[in-house]
C-alpha atoms as a PDB file:
ATOM      1  CA  MET A   1      57.491 -24.709 -55.364  1.00  0.00           C
ATOM      2  CA  LYS A   2      56.802 -28.219 -53.744  1.00  0.00           C
ATOM      3  CA  SER A   3      57.384 -30.785 -56.411  1.00  0.00           C
ATOM      4  CA  ALA A   4      58.054 -34.599 -57.067  1.00  0.00           C
ATOM      5  CA  VAL A   5      59.475 -36.695 -59.322  1.00  0.00           C
ATOM      6  CA  ILE A   6      58.091 -40.046 -60.301  1.00  0.00           C
ATOM      7  CA  VAL A   7      60.458 -42.675 -60.407  1.00  0.00           C
ATOM      8  CA  PHE A   8      59.883 -46.094 -62.401  1.00  0.00           C
ATOM      9  CA  PRO A   9      62.018 -49.135 -63.145  1.00  0.00           C
ATOM     10  CA  GLY A  10      64.145 -47.882 -66.237  1.00  0.00           C
ATOM     11  CA  SER A  11      63.906 -44.267 -65.715  1.00  0.00           C
ATOM     12  CA  ASN A  12      67.201 -42.541 -66.572  1.00  0.00           C
ATOM     13  CA  CYS A  13      66.302 -38.788 -66.527  1.00  0.00           C
ATOM     14  CA  ASP A  14      64.653 -38.727 -63.021  1.00  0.00           C
ATOM     15  CA  ARG A  15      67.748 -36.869 -61.636  1.00  0.00           C
ATOM     16  CA  ASP A  16      68.044 -34.535 -64.765  1.00  0.00           C
ATOM     17  CA  LEU A  17      64.720 -33.554 -63.934  1.00  0.00           C
ATOM     18  CA  ALA A  18      65.249 -33.032 -60.359  1.00  0.00           C
ATOM     19  CA  VAL A  19      68.384 -31.038 -60.691  1.00  0.00           C
ATOM     20  CA  ALA A  20      66.395 -28.434 -62.710  1.00  0.00           C
ATOM     21  CA  LEU A  21      63.522 -28.266 -60.473  1.00  0.00           C
ATOM     22  CA  ARG A  22      65.996 -27.846 -57.585  1.00  0.00           C
ATOM     23  CA  ASP A  23      68.008 -24.985 -59.447  1.00  0.00           C
ATOM     24  CA  VAL A  24      65.099 -23.058 -60.527  1.00  0.00           C
ATOM     25  CA  SER A  25      62.997 -23.266 -57.472  1.00  0.00           C
ATOM     26  CA  GLY A  26      65.468 -23.512 -54.852  1.00  0.00           C
ATOM     27  CA  GLN A  27      63.801 -26.588 -53.297  1.00  0.00           C
ATOM     28  CA  ALA A  28      64.648 -30.170 -54.118  1.00  0.00           C
ATOM     29  CA  PRO A  29      61.600 -32.340 -55.199  1.00  0.00           C
ATOM     30  CA  ALA A  30      60.741 -35.481 -53.579  1.00  0.00           C
ATOM     31  CA  MET A  31      61.486 -38.621 -55.529  1.00  0.00           C
ATOM     32  CA  VAL A  32      58.515 -40.760 -55.218  1.00  0.00           C
ATOM     33  CA  TRP A  33      58.786 -44.542 -56.132  1.00  0.00           C
ATOM     34  CA  HIS A  34      56.283 -45.903 -58.644  1.00  0.00           C
ATOM     35  CA  ARG A  35      54.894 -48.563 -55.983  1.00  0.00           C
ATOM     36  CA  ASP A  36      54.080 -45.755 -53.640  1.00  0.00           C
ATOM     37  CA  SER A  37      49.986 -45.401 -53.660  1.00  0.00           C
ATOM     38  CA  GLU A  38      50.272 -41.829 -52.192  1.00  0.00           C
ATOM     39  CA  LEU A  39      52.116 -38.533 -52.934  1.00  0.00           C
ATOM     40  CA  PRO A  40      53.389 -36.149 -50.593  1.00  0.00           C
ATOM     41  CA  GLU A  41      51.011 -33.625 -49.245  1.00  0.00           C
ATOM     42  CA  GLY A  42      50.671 -30.108 -50.969  1.00  0.00           C
ATOM     43  CA  LEU A  43      52.441 -30.587 -54.312  1.00  0.00           C
ATOM     44  CA  ASP A  44      52.255 -27.723 -56.674  1.00  0.00           C
ATOM     45  CA  LEU A  45      54.023 -29.927 -59.619  1.00  0.00           C
ATOM     46  CA  ILE A  46      54.527 -33.431 -60.435  1.00  0.00           C
ATOM     47  CA  ALA A  47      57.069 -34.507 -63.132  1.00  0.00           C
ATOM     48  CA  ILE A  48      57.267 -37.611 -64.841  1.00  0.00           C
ATOM     49  CA  PRO A  49      60.647 -38.246 -66.571  1.00  0.00           C
ATOM     50  CA  GLY A  50      62.008 -39.596 -69.567  1.00  0.00           C
ATOM     51  CA  GLY A  51      63.680 -42.836 -69.828  1.00  0.00           C
ATOM     52  CA  PHE A  52      62.730 -46.438 -70.636  1.00  0.00           C
ATOM     53  CA  SER A  53      60.038 -47.271 -67.940  1.00  0.00           C
ATOM     54  CA  TYR A  54      59.951 -51.033 -67.755  1.00  0.00           C
ATOM     55  CA  GLY A  55      62.431 -51.319 -70.637  1.00  0.00           C
ATOM     56  CA  ASP A  56      59.841 -50.098 -73.111  1.00  0.00           C
ATOM     57  CA  TYR A  57      58.188 -53.660 -73.167  1.00  0.00           C
ATOM     58  CA  LEU A  58      54.934 -53.820 -74.655  1.00  0.00           C
ATOM     59  CA  ARG A  59      54.350 -50.358 -75.462  1.00  0.00           C
ATOM     60  CA  SER A  60      56.584 -47.308 -74.337  1.00  0.00           C
ATOM     61  CA  GLY A  61      54.772 -46.199 -71.125  1.00  0.00           C
ATOM     62  CA  ALA A  62      51.876 -48.540 -71.245  1.00  0.00           C
ATOM     63  CA  MET A  63      53.469 -50.626 -68.203  1.00  0.00           C
ATOM     64  CA  ALA A  64      54.089 -47.512 -66.064  1.00  0.00           C
ATOM     65  CA  ALA A  65      50.802 -46.258 -66.533  1.00  0.00           C
ATOM     66  CA  ASN A  66      49.361 -48.786 -64.555  1.00  0.00           C
ATOM     67  CA  SER A  67      51.868 -48.372 -61.531  1.00  0.00           C
ATOM     68  CA  PRO A  68      50.014 -47.746 -58.030  1.00  0.00           C
ATOM     69  CA  VAL A  69      51.352 -44.054 -57.989  1.00  0.00           C
ATOM     70  CA  MET A  70      49.442 -43.217 -61.209  1.00  0.00           C
ATOM     71  CA  ARG A  71      46.192 -43.387 -59.509  1.00  0.00           C
ATOM     72  CA  ALA A  72      47.407 -40.616 -57.049  1.00  0.00           C
ATOM     73  CA  VAL A  73      48.807 -38.546 -60.119  1.00  0.00           C
ATOM     74  CA  LYS A  74      45.258 -38.646 -61.810  1.00  0.00           C
ATOM     75  CA  ASP A  75      43.437 -37.708 -58.939  1.00  0.00           C
ATOM     76  CA  ALA A  76      46.041 -34.733 -58.055  1.00  0.00           C
ATOM     77  CA  SER A  77      45.779 -33.587 -61.616  1.00  0.00           C
ATOM     78  CA  GLU A  78      41.921 -33.552 -61.193  1.00  0.00           C
ATOM     79  CA  ARG A  79      42.323 -31.254 -58.306  1.00  0.00           C
ATOM     80  CA  GLY A  80      44.461 -28.845 -60.522  1.00  0.00           C
ATOM     81  CA  VAL A  81      47.946 -29.789 -59.449  1.00  0.00           C
ATOM     82  CA  SER A  82      50.297 -29.300 -62.292  1.00  0.00           C
ATOM     83  CA  VAL A  83      51.799 -32.313 -64.289  1.00  0.00           C
ATOM     84  CA  LEU A  84      54.527 -32.417 -66.645  1.00  0.00           C
ATOM     85  CA  GLY A  85      55.501 -35.415 -68.747  1.00  0.00           C
ATOM     86  CA  VAL A  86      58.680 -35.485 -70.641  1.00  0.00           C
ATOM     87  CA  CYS A  87      59.491 -38.194 -73.272  1.00  0.00           C
ATOM     88  CA  ASN A  88      58.701 -41.407 -71.725  1.00  0.00           C
ATOM     89  CA  GLY A  89      56.667 -39.160 -69.211  1.00  0.00           C
ATOM     90  CA  PHE A  90      54.779 -37.684 -72.142  1.00  0.00           C
ATOM     91  CA  GLN A  91      54.155 -41.468 -73.448  1.00  0.00           C
ATOM     92  CA  ILE A  92      52.924 -42.546 -69.976  1.00  0.00           C
ATOM     93  CA  LEU A  93      50.458 -39.627 -69.550  1.00  0.00           C
ATOM     94  CA  THR A  94      48.894 -40.761 -72.935  1.00  0.00           C
ATOM     95  CA  GLU A  95      48.809 -44.265 -71.797  1.00  0.00           C
ATOM     96  CA  ALA A  96      47.196 -43.274 -68.503  1.00  0.00           C
ATOM     97  CA  GLY A  97      44.629 -41.187 -70.439  1.00  0.00           C
ATOM     98  CA  LEU A  98      45.635 -37.934 -69.013  1.00  0.00           C
ATOM     99  CA  LEU A  99      46.438 -36.735 -72.357  1.00  0.00           C
ATOM    100  CA  PRO A 100      44.686 -37.747 -75.968  1.00  0.00           C
ATOM    101  CA  GLY A 101      46.583 -39.629 -78.726  1.00  0.00           C
ATOM    102  CA  ALA A 102      49.708 -41.986 -78.620  1.00  0.00           C
ATOM    103  CA  LEU A 103      53.403 -41.892 -79.227  1.00  0.00           C
ATOM    104  CA  MET A 104      54.349 -44.514 -81.918  1.00  0.00           C
ATOM    105  CA  ARG A 105      57.725 -45.565 -83.399  1.00  0.00           C
ATOM    106  CA  ASN A 106      59.627 -42.788 -85.116  1.00  0.00           C
ATOM    107  CA  ALA A 107      58.720 -42.621 -89.015  1.00  0.00           C
ATOM    108  CA  GLU A 108      62.322 -43.692 -89.892  1.00  0.00           C
ATOM    109  CA  LEU A 109      62.378 -46.303 -87.238  1.00  0.00           C
ATOM    110  CA  ASN A 110      65.633 -44.646 -85.786  1.00  0.00           C
ATOM    111  CA  PHE A 111      66.304 -43.374 -82.598  1.00  0.00           C
ATOM    112  CA  VAL A 112      66.964 -39.827 -82.800  1.00  0.00           C
ATOM    113  CA  CYS A 113      69.079 -37.865 -80.340  1.00  0.00           C
ATOM    114  CA  ARG A 114      69.789 -34.189 -81.218  1.00  0.00           C
ATOM    115  CA  ASP A 115      69.002 -30.433 -80.410  1.00  0.00           C
ATOM    116  CA  VAL A 116      65.864 -29.744 -82.536  1.00  0.00           C
ATOM    117  CA  PRO A 117      64.066 -26.175 -83.104  1.00  0.00           C
ATOM    118  CA  LEU A 118      60.794 -25.780 -81.852  1.00  0.00           C
ATOM    119  CA  ALA A 119      58.113 -23.398 -82.333  1.00  0.00           C
ATOM    120  CA  VAL A 120      55.869 -22.044 -79.124  1.00  0.00           C
ATOM    121  CA  ASP A 121      52.435 -22.638 -80.444  1.00  0.00           C
ATOM    122  CA  ASN A 122      50.651 -21.401 -77.319  1.00  0.00           C
ATOM    123  CA  SER A 123      52.127 -19.015 -74.496  1.00  0.00           C
ATOM    124  CA  GLN A 124      48.948 -19.151 -72.355  1.00  0.00           C
ATOM    125  CA  SER A 125      49.441 -21.874 -70.140  1.00  0.00           C
ATOM    126  CA  ALA A 126      51.661 -21.756 -67.077  1.00  0.00           C
ATOM    127  CA  PHE A 127      54.166 -23.950 -68.511  1.00  0.00           C
ATOM    128  CA  THR A 128      54.761 -21.719 -71.625  1.00  0.00           C
ATOM    129  CA  SER A 129      53.945 -18.334 -70.118  1.00  0.00           C
ATOM    130  CA  ARG A 130      57.764 -17.168 -70.262  1.00  0.00           C
ATOM    131  CA  TYR A 131      57.945 -17.610 -73.910  1.00  0.00           C
ATOM    132  CA  ASP A 132      56.246 -15.588 -76.721  1.00  0.00           C
ATOM    133  CA  ALA A 133      53.766 -17.090 -79.156  1.00  0.00           C
ATOM    134  CA  GLY A 134      55.379 -18.319 -82.241  1.00  0.00           C
ATOM    135  CA  GLU A 135      58.834 -17.877 -80.603  1.00  0.00           C
ATOM    136  CA  ARG A 136      61.701 -20.396 -81.883  1.00  0.00           C
ATOM    137  CA  ILE A 137      63.650 -22.028 -79.236  1.00  0.00           C
ATOM    138  CA  VAL A 138      65.897 -25.207 -79.160  1.00  0.00           C
ATOM    139  CA  ILE A 139      65.269 -28.170 -76.949  1.00  0.00           C
ATOM    140  CA  PRO A 140      66.970 -31.565 -77.271  1.00  0.00           C
ATOM    141  CA  VAL A 141      65.151 -34.785 -78.054  1.00  0.00           C
ATOM    142  CA  ALA A 142      66.442 -38.313 -77.198  1.00  0.00           C
ATOM    143  CA  HIS A 143      63.818 -40.957 -78.411  1.00  0.00           C
ATOM    144  CA  HIS A 144      62.785 -43.867 -80.389  1.00  0.00           C
ATOM    145  CA  ASP A 145      59.005 -43.693 -79.960  1.00  0.00           C
ATOM    146  CA  GLY A 146      58.037 -40.113 -80.340  1.00  0.00           C
ATOM    147  CA  ASN A 147      55.790 -39.973 -83.420  1.00  0.00           C
ATOM    148  CA  TYR A 148      52.661 -38.489 -82.073  1.00  0.00           C
ATOM    149  CA  THR A 149      49.495 -39.732 -83.343  1.00  0.00           C
ATOM    150  CA  ALA A 150      45.894 -39.005 -82.739  1.00  0.00           C
ATOM    151  CA  ASP A 151      42.630 -39.173 -84.947  1.00  0.00           C
ATOM    152  CA  GLU A 152      41.860 -36.089 -87.106  1.00  0.00           C
ATOM    153  CA  GLU A 153      38.839 -35.019 -85.009  1.00  0.00           C
ATOM    154  CA  THR A 154      41.109 -35.129 -81.970  1.00  0.00           C
ATOM    155  CA  LEU A 155      44.021 -33.269 -83.969  1.00  0.00           C
ATOM    156  CA  ASP A 156      41.530 -30.535 -85.001  1.00  0.00           C
ATOM    157  CA  ARG A 157      40.484 -30.299 -81.316  1.00  0.00           C
ATOM    158  CA  LEU A 158      43.736 -29.702 -79.938  1.00  0.00           C
ATOM    159  CA  GLU A 159      44.454 -26.875 -82.452  1.00  0.00           C
ATOM    160  CA  GLY A 160      41.224 -25.333 -82.219  1.00  0.00           C
ATOM    161  CA  GLU A 161      41.599 -25.137 -78.275  1.00  0.00           C
ATOM    162  CA  GLY A 162      44.923 -23.841 -78.492  1.00  0.00           C
ATOM    163  CA  ARG A 163      46.336 -27.001 -76.749  1.00  0.00           C
ATOM    164  CA  VAL A 164      49.378 -27.460 -78.897  1.00  0.00           C
ATOM    165  CA  ALA A 165      52.100 -26.364 -76.786  1.00  0.00           C
ATOM    166  CA  PHE A 166      55.127 -26.912 -79.119  1.00  0.00           C
ATOM    167  CA  ARG A 167      55.712 -27.927 -82.751  1.00  0.00           C
ATOM    168  CA  TYR A 168      58.920 -29.194 -84.421  1.00  0.00           C
ATOM    169  CA  LEU A 169      60.345 -27.011 -86.973  1.00  0.00           C
ATOM    170  CA  ASP A 170      62.017 -29.466 -89.093  1.00  0.00           C
ATOM    171  CA  GLN A 171      61.619 -33.356 -89.642  1.00  0.00           C
ATOM    172  CA  VAL A 172      62.323 -35.201 -86.317  1.00  0.00           C
ATOM    173  CA  ASN A 173      59.949 -38.337 -86.019  1.00  0.00           C
ATOM    174  CA  GLY A 174      56.903 -37.922 -88.414  1.00  0.00           C
ATOM    175  CA  SER A 175      54.408 -36.365 -85.478  1.00  0.00           C
ATOM    176  CA  ALA A 176      50.990 -35.488 -86.698  1.00  0.00           C
ATOM    177  CA  ARG A 177      50.998 -31.669 -87.625  1.00  0.00           C
ATOM    178  CA  ASP A 178      54.621 -31.500 -86.251  1.00  0.00           C
ATOM    179  CA  ILE A 179      53.321 -31.737 -82.908  1.00  0.00           C
ATOM    180  CA  ALA A 180      55.928 -32.009 -80.083  1.00  0.00           C
ATOM    181  CA  GLY A 181      53.984 -31.152 -76.858  1.00  0.00           C
ATOM    182  CA  ILE A 182      50.215 -30.553 -75.883  1.00  0.00           C
ATOM    183  CA  VAL A 183      48.324 -29.675 -72.659  1.00  0.00           C
ATOM    184  CA  ASN A 184      44.941 -31.014 -71.206  1.00  0.00           C
ATOM    185  CA  ASP A 185      41.683 -29.211 -71.679  1.00  0.00           C
ATOM    186  CA  LYS A 186      42.479 -27.546 -68.071  1.00  0.00           C
ATOM    187  CA  GLY A 187      45.874 -26.476 -69.168  1.00  0.00           C
ATOM    188  CA  ASN A 188      47.598 -28.276 -66.053  1.00  0.00           C
ATOM    189  CA  VAL A 189      49.019 -31.249 -67.729  1.00  0.00           C
ATOM    190  CA  LEU A 190      51.556 -30.924 -70.184  1.00  0.00           C
ATOM    191  CA  GLY A 191      53.164 -33.761 -72.150  1.00  0.00           C
ATOM    192  CA  MET A 192      56.116 -33.132 -74.754  1.00  0.00           C
ATOM    193  CA  MET A 193      58.879 -35.367 -76.075  1.00  0.00           C
ATOM    194  CA  PRO A 194      61.644 -32.536 -76.063  1.00  0.00           C
ATOM    195  CA  HIS A 195      63.730 -32.410 -72.821  1.00  0.00           C
ATOM    196  CA  PRO A 196      63.692 -29.079 -71.154  1.00  0.00           C
ATOM    197  CA  GLU A 197      65.868 -30.060 -68.172  1.00  0.00           C
ATOM    198  CA  ARG A 198      68.645 -30.658 -70.484  1.00  0.00           C
ATOM    199  CA  MET A 199      68.597 -26.846 -71.433  1.00  0.00           C
ATOM    200  CA  VAL A 200      68.553 -25.020 -68.299  1.00  0.00           C
ATOM    201  CA  GLU A 201      72.504 -23.809 -67.867  1.00  0.00           C
ATOM    202  CA  PRO A 202      74.695 -22.235 -70.389  1.00  0.00           C
ATOM    203  CA  ALA A 203      76.963 -25.380 -69.933  1.00  0.00           C
ATOM    204  CA  HIS A 204      74.116 -27.298 -71.579  1.00  0.00           C
ATOM    205  CA  GLY A 205      74.546 -24.935 -74.764  1.00  0.00           C
ATOM    206  CA  GLY A 206      71.438 -23.114 -74.168  1.00  0.00           C
ATOM    207  CA  THR A 207      68.680 -22.087 -71.490  1.00  0.00           C
ATOM    208  CA  ASP A 208      65.616 -22.379 -73.537  1.00  0.00           C
ATOM    209  CA  GLY A 209      64.201 -24.967 -71.302  1.00  0.00           C
ATOM    210  CA  ARG A 210      64.689 -22.981 -67.974  1.00  0.00           C
ATOM    211  CA  ARG A 211      61.829 -20.640 -68.855  1.00  0.00           C
ATOM    212  CA  LEU A 212      59.264 -23.757 -68.885  1.00  0.00           C
ATOM    213  CA  PHE A 213      60.326 -24.047 -65.133  1.00  0.00           C
ATOM    214  CA  GLU A 214      60.372 -20.467 -64.389  1.00  0.00           C
ATOM    215  CA  GLY A 215      56.845 -20.014 -65.812  1.00  0.00           C
ATOM    216  CA  ILE A 216      55.302 -22.962 -63.422  1.00  0.00           C
ATOM    217  CA  LEU A 217      57.085 -21.036 -60.619  1.00  0.00           C
ATOM    218  CA  GLU A 218      55.823 -17.671 -61.551  1.00  0.00           C
ATOM    219  CA  ALA A 219      52.138 -19.126 -62.095  1.00  0.00           C
ATOM    220  CA  LEU A 220      52.333 -20.400 -58.283  1.00  0.00           C
ATOM    221  CA  GLY A 221      53.018 -16.661 -57.294  1.00  0.00           C
END
């Protein structure tokens, strides 16, 4: 699997994501600086990591969404290249228009950093194919602006089209309908607030995140 991790000023989970991709696929990803206007050729996956791009000034992800590399990411996604946005990466994908909705300040206005239980809502995408629908997994979160919101029509459409990938099983940040992750209409773009790259080895306390990366690799055949 040929992959790339996009790095912005303030990214702090880029190396975690790169290590997870390397360990699962056996191939280290390219690390692409946000001011680059082109991506490496032949990519199978583009990963946008967590962190605090541009210090979360303005709105989380809003400034990063306008970085030169994001035009190339949009073009690649339209060609069917898989795109994964984790935490701040999810925020960037919504700000860039690759996913609907927005990530707002947590309901309790606190930074939340802990392992949380999730339900796999849909196992039909490449990202979730190694899970069972309805399965309970545990993945860490670490965010202050993870409260997913969208208008009722959008929420109904996401649920009706099976585009909710993960839901929280307890109160985490106030997200509408407990949504923790969604995919686009083509199923090749996933945004999620929990960090699967932090649950890929037994030393992490669990391996529930590893199957997400394995699913992408398996889908590439």
